[in-house]
Amino acid sequence: MPAKVDKDTCTGCAACVEACPVESITIEDNLAVVDENTCIDCEACVDACPTEAISMG
């Protein structure tokens, strides 16, 4: 199940964008957005997020 972003906690810092090995995350309107079609469930973004705004579905 792809990563999910808590929009209330996300600060748009882009740490997850840099951590994602398959470039599934972008920043839109200052929030992280995960492309569910390309996410490989590796949890790199979960570990990289300093605000714990990302979880695995």
Protein backbone atom coordinates (compact mmCIF):
# COMPACT_ATOMS: atom_id res chain seq x y z
CA MET A 1 0.00 0.00 0.00
CA PRO A 2 1.47 3.38 -0.99
CA ALA A 3 2.63 6.03 1.45
CA LYS A 4 0.07 8.49 2.75
CA VAL A 5 0.76 12.12 3.65
CA ASP A 6 -0.94 13.85 6.57
CA LYS A 7 -1.61 17.27 5.08
CA ASP A 8 -2.04 18.83 8.51
CA THR A 9 1.45 17.76 9.59
CA CYS A 10 3.40 18.08 6.32
CA THR A 11 5.54 21.23 6.09
CA GLY A 12 6.61 20.77 2.48
CA CYS A 13 10.28 20.49 3.42
CA ALA A 14 10.93 18.00 0.56
CA ALA A 15 13.04 15.59 2.64
CA CYS A 16 10.79 12.82 1.34
CA VAL A 17 11.29 13.91 -2.26
CA GLU A 18 15.05 13.54 -1.88
CA ALA A 19 14.70 10.19 -0.07
CA CYS A 20 12.39 8.54 -2.59
CA PRO A 21 14.43 6.19 -4.81
CA VAL A 22 11.80 6.10 -7.57
CA GLU A 23 10.83 9.80 -7.62
CA SER A 24 7.22 9.10 -6.61
CA ILE A 25 6.91 12.20 -4.44
CA THR A 26 6.50 15.79 -5.53
CA ILE A 27 5.71 19.01 -3.72
CA GLU A 28 2.45 20.66 -4.76
CA ASP A 29 1.03 23.71 -2.99
CA ASN A 30 3.76 23.31 -0.33
CA LEU A 31 2.70 19.75 0.53
CA ALA A 32 4.14 16.35 -0.36
CA VAL A 33 2.10 14.33 -2.84
CA VAL A 34 2.74 10.61 -3.41
CA ASP A 35 2.07 9.06 -6.82
CA GLU A 36 0.32 5.86 -5.78
CA ASN A 37 1.02 4.28 -9.16
CA THR A 38 4.81 4.46 -8.82
CA CYS A 39 5.34 4.17 -5.04
CA ILE A 40 7.19 0.93 -4.25
CA ASP A 41 6.35 0.88 -0.51
CA CYS A 42 10.01 1.09 0.54
CA GLU A 43 9.29 3.44 3.47
CA ALA A 44 12.31 5.66 2.73
CA CYS A 45 10.05 8.70 2.89
CA VAL A 46 8.62 7.62 6.26
CA ASP A 47 12.13 7.47 7.72
CA ALA A 48 13.14 10.80 6.12
CA CYS A 49 10.15 12.88 7.24
CA PRO A 50 11.14 15.09 10.18
CA THR A 51 7.51 15.77 11.16
CA GLU A 52 6.31 12.16 10.85
CA ALA A 53 3.70 13.30 8.32
CA ILE A 54 4.11 10.20 6.14
CA SER A 55 2.88 6.73 6.96
CA MET A 56 2.35 3.55 5.05
CA GLY A 57 -1.33 3.23 4.10
